[in-house]
Amino acid sequence: MPRAVQPTLLRAMQFGEVRPVGSDRVRMVDVRVLSATNRNLLKRVEEGAFREDLYYRAATLHVDVPPLRARMDDV
């Protein structure tokens, strides 16, 4: 996710505020975010590529799913 978009997502998650494209008014929304990545986000935070406050807001529940090649019974 580009670093310029991260504050917008954080604002929507934390305060429930979004500003629709072309609007000058803020709208209140109720959001739930489910995300998945194959990147090490803690490393990205250390590198400065991912916001630390967004990481701690999004990383409330961590589920580690091994790759399918490690779960051949699921095939």
N, C-alpha and C. Protein backbone atom coordinates (compact mmCIF):
# COMPACT_ATOMS: atom_id res chain seq x y z
N MET A 1 0.85 -1.16 0.00
CA MET A 1 0.00 0.00 0.00
C MET A 1 0.90 1.24 0.00
N PRO A 2 0.67 2.17 -0.90
CA PRO A 2 1.50 3.37 -0.92
C PRO A 2 1.42 4.15 0.40
N ARG A 3 2.54 4.69 0.81
CA ARG A 3 2.60 5.41 2.10
C ARG A 3 1.63 6.59 2.12
N ALA A 4 1.32 7.19 0.98
CA ALA A 4 0.41 8.34 0.93
C ALA A 4 -1.03 7.94 1.23
N VAL A 5 -1.40 6.69 1.03
CA VAL A 5 -2.78 6.23 1.27
C VAL A 5 -2.97 5.77 2.72
N GLN A 6 -1.90 5.43 3.39
CA GLN A 6 -1.99 4.88 4.74
C GLN A 6 -2.69 5.79 5.75
N PRO A 7 -2.44 7.10 5.76
CA PRO A 7 -3.17 7.95 6.72
C PRO A 7 -4.68 7.95 6.50
N THR A 8 -5.11 7.84 5.26
CA THR A 8 -6.54 7.81 4.96
C THR A 8 -7.16 6.54 5.52
N LEU A 9 -6.51 5.42 5.35
CA LEU A 9 -7.01 4.16 5.89
C LEU A 9 -7.02 4.20 7.42
N LEU A 10 -5.97 4.73 8.00
CA LEU A 10 -5.90 4.84 9.46
C LEU A 10 -7.03 5.70 10.00
N ARG A 11 -7.32 6.81 9.34
CA ARG A 11 -8.40 7.70 9.78
C ARG A 11 -9.75 6.99 9.71
N ALA A 12 -9.96 6.22 8.65
CA ALA A 12 -11.22 5.47 8.52
C ALA A 12 -11.33 4.41 9.61
N MET A 13 -10.23 3.74 9.92
CA MET A 13 -10.26 2.70 10.94
C MET A 13 -10.40 3.26 12.34
N GLN A 14 -9.68 4.34 12.62
CA GLN A 14 -9.62 4.87 13.98
C GLN A 14 -10.81 5.77 14.31
N PHE A 15 -11.17 6.65 13.41
CA PHE A 15 -12.21 7.63 13.71
C PHE A 15 -13.51 7.39 12.95
N GLY A 16 -13.48 6.50 11.96
CA GLY A 16 -14.69 6.24 11.18
C GLY A 16 -15.05 7.39 10.26
N GLU A 17 -14.05 8.10 9.76
CA GLU A 17 -14.28 9.26 8.88
C GLU A 17 -13.68 9.02 7.50
N VAL A 18 -14.46 9.30 6.48
CA VAL A 18 -13.95 9.27 5.11
C VAL A 18 -14.47 10.49 4.37
N ARG A 19 -13.71 10.93 3.40
CA ARG A 19 -14.13 12.04 2.55
C ARG A 19 -14.26 11.50 1.13
N PRO A 20 -15.50 11.37 0.64
CA PRO A 20 -15.68 10.84 -0.72
C PRO A 20 -14.98 11.72 -1.75
N VAL A 21 -14.55 11.11 -2.83
CA VAL A 21 -13.87 11.82 -3.91
C VAL A 21 -14.80 12.90 -4.45
N GLY A 22 -14.31 14.13 -4.55
CA GLY A 22 -15.08 15.24 -5.08
C GLY A 22 -15.96 15.93 -4.06
N SER A 23 -15.93 15.47 -2.82
CA SER A 23 -16.78 16.07 -1.79
C SER A 23 -15.94 16.95 -0.87
N ASP A 24 -16.59 17.91 -0.26
CA ASP A 24 -15.89 18.73 0.73
C ASP A 24 -16.37 18.42 2.14
N ARG A 25 -17.20 17.38 2.27
CA ARG A 25 -17.74 16.98 3.57
C ARG A 25 -17.19 15.63 3.98
N VAL A 26 -17.03 15.45 5.27
CA VAL A 26 -16.57 14.18 5.83
C VAL A 26 -17.80 13.36 6.18
N ARG A 27 -17.75 12.08 5.86
CA ARG A 27 -18.85 11.17 6.20
C ARG A 27 -18.38 10.18 7.26
N MET A 28 -19.28 9.86 8.16
CA MET A 28 -18.98 8.86 9.18
C MET A 28 -19.33 7.48 8.64
N VAL A 29 -18.45 6.53 8.86
CA VAL A 29 -18.66 5.16 8.40
C VAL A 29 -18.28 4.19 9.52
N ASP A 30 -18.85 3.02 9.45
CA ASP A 30 -18.49 1.94 10.37
C ASP A 30 -17.73 0.91 9.54
N VAL A 31 -16.44 0.75 9.81
CA VAL A 31 -15.62 -0.13 8.98
C VAL A 31 -15.01 -1.26 9.79
N ARG A 32 -14.86 -2.37 9.13
CA ARG A 32 -14.12 -3.51 9.64
C ARG A 32 -13.15 -3.90 8.52
N VAL A 33 -11.92 -4.11 8.87
CA VAL A 33 -10.91 -4.38 7.85
C VAL A 33 -10.32 -5.77 8.08
N LEU A 34 -10.31 -6.55 7.03
CA LEU A 34 -9.66 -7.84 7.03
C LEU A 34 -8.56 -7.76 5.98
N SER A 35 -7.34 -8.03 6.38
CA SER A 35 -6.24 -7.89 5.43
C SER A 35 -5.33 -9.11 5.50
N ALA A 36 -4.62 -9.33 4.42
CA ALA A 36 -3.66 -10.43 4.35
C ALA A 36 -2.46 -9.98 3.54
N THR A 37 -1.30 -10.47 3.91
CA THR A 37 -0.09 -10.13 3.19
C THR A 37 0.93 -11.24 3.34
N ASN A 38 1.83 -11.32 2.40
CA ASN A 38 2.93 -12.27 2.53
C ASN A 38 4.23 -11.54 2.88
N ARG A 39 4.10 -10.28 3.23
CA ARG A 39 5.29 -9.49 3.59
C ARG A 39 5.40 -9.37 5.11
N ASN A 40 6.61 -9.20 5.58
CA ASN A 40 6.86 -9.01 7.00
C ASN A 40 6.61 -7.53 7.32
N LEU A 41 5.46 -7.24 7.90
CA LEU A 41 5.10 -5.84 8.13
C LEU A 41 5.96 -5.19 9.21
N LEU A 42 6.42 -5.93 10.20
CA LEU A 42 7.31 -5.33 11.20
C LEU A 42 8.61 -4.85 10.55
N LYS A 43 9.11 -5.64 9.60
CA LYS A 43 10.32 -5.22 8.87
C LYS A 43 10.02 -3.98 8.04
N ARG A 44 8.83 -3.94 7.41
CA ARG A 44 8.44 -2.77 6.61
C ARG A 44 8.30 -1.53 7.50
N VAL A 45 7.82 -1.71 8.73
CA VAL A 45 7.73 -0.59 9.67
C VAL A 45 9.12 -0.07 9.99
N GLU A 46 10.06 -0.97 10.25
CA GLU A 46 11.44 -0.57 10.55
C GLU A 46 12.08 0.16 9.38
N GLU A 47 11.74 -0.26 8.15
CA GLU A 47 12.29 0.38 6.95
C GLU A 47 11.62 1.72 6.65
N GLY A 48 10.49 1.99 7.30
CA GLY A 48 9.77 3.23 7.04
C GLY A 48 8.78 3.15 5.89
N ALA A 49 8.51 1.94 5.41
CA ALA A 49 7.60 1.77 4.28
C ALA A 49 6.15 1.57 4.73
N PHE A 50 5.96 1.32 6.03
CA PHE A 50 4.61 1.11 6.56
C PHE A 50 4.51 1.84 7.89
N ARG A 51 3.40 2.53 8.10
CA ARG A 51 3.24 3.34 9.32
C ARG A 51 3.09 2.45 10.55
N GLU A 52 3.82 2.80 11.59
CA GLU A 52 3.77 2.02 12.83
C GLU A 52 2.39 2.08 13.48
N ASP A 53 1.77 3.25 13.51
CA ASP A 53 0.45 3.36 14.13
C ASP A 53 -0.61 2.57 13.36
N LEU A 54 -0.50 2.51 12.04
CA LEU A 54 -1.42 1.71 11.25
C LEU A 54 -1.18 0.23 11.50
N TYR A 55 0.07 -0.16 11.64
CA TYR A 55 0.38 -1.57 11.92
C TYR A 55 -0.27 -2.00 13.23
N TYR A 56 -0.11 -1.22 14.28
CA TYR A 56 -0.67 -1.61 15.57
C TYR A 56 -2.19 -1.53 15.59
N ARG A 57 -2.79 -0.71 14.76
CA ARG A 57 -4.24 -0.67 14.65
C ARG A 57 -4.75 -1.91 13.89
N ALA A 58 -4.02 -2.34 12.88
CA ALA A 58 -4.46 -3.45 12.04
C ALA A 58 -4.06 -4.82 12.59
N ALA A 59 -3.00 -4.89 13.35
CA ALA A 59 -2.47 -6.19 13.79
C ALA A 59 -3.05 -6.61 15.14
N THR A 60 -4.35 -6.57 15.27
CA THR A 60 -4.95 -6.96 16.55
C THR A 60 -5.11 -8.46 16.67
N LEU A 61 -5.24 -9.14 15.57
CA LEU A 61 -5.36 -10.59 15.56
C LEU A 61 -4.47 -11.14 14.45
N HIS A 62 -3.59 -12.03 14.80
CA HIS A 62 -2.67 -12.60 13.81
C HIS A 62 -2.99 -14.08 13.65
N VAL A 63 -3.27 -14.48 12.44
CA VAL A 63 -3.52 -15.89 12.11
C VAL A 63 -2.45 -16.31 11.11
N ASP A 64 -1.65 -17.28 11.48
CA ASP A 64 -0.60 -17.76 10.61
C ASP A 64 -1.12 -18.99 9.87
N VAL A 65 -1.24 -18.89 8.56
CA VAL A 65 -1.70 -20.00 7.72
C VAL A 65 -0.53 -20.46 6.87
N PRO A 66 -0.09 -21.69 7.08
CA PRO A 66 1.04 -22.18 6.29
C PRO A 66 0.66 -22.32 4.82
N PRO A 67 1.64 -22.29 3.95
CA PRO A 67 1.34 -22.43 2.52
C PRO A 67 0.71 -23.80 2.23
N LEU A 68 -0.02 -23.85 1.14
CA LEU A 68 -0.72 -25.07 0.76
C LEU A 68 0.24 -26.24 0.55
N ARG A 69 1.45 -25.96 0.10
CA ARG A 69 2.42 -27.05 -0.11
C ARG A 69 2.79 -27.73 1.21
N ALA A 70 2.58 -27.03 2.33
CA ALA A 70 2.85 -27.61 3.64
C ALA A 70 1.61 -28.29 4.22
N ARG A 71 0.47 -28.17 3.55
CA ARG A 71 -0.79 -28.76 4.01
C ARG A 71 -1.36 -29.65 2.92
N MET A 72 -0.65 -30.66 2.53
CA MET A 72 -1.08 -31.49 1.40
C MET A 72 -2.40 -32.20 1.67
N ASP A 73 -2.78 -32.40 2.92
CA ASP A 73 -4.08 -33.01 3.24
C ASP A 73 -5.24 -32.13 2.84
N ASP A 74 -5.00 -30.83 2.65
CA ASP A 74 -6.06 -29.90 2.27
C ASP A 74 -6.31 -29.88 0.76
N VAL A 75 -5.43 -30.51 0.02
CA VAL A 75 -5.56 -30.51 -1.44
C VAL A 75 -6.60 -31.53 -1.87
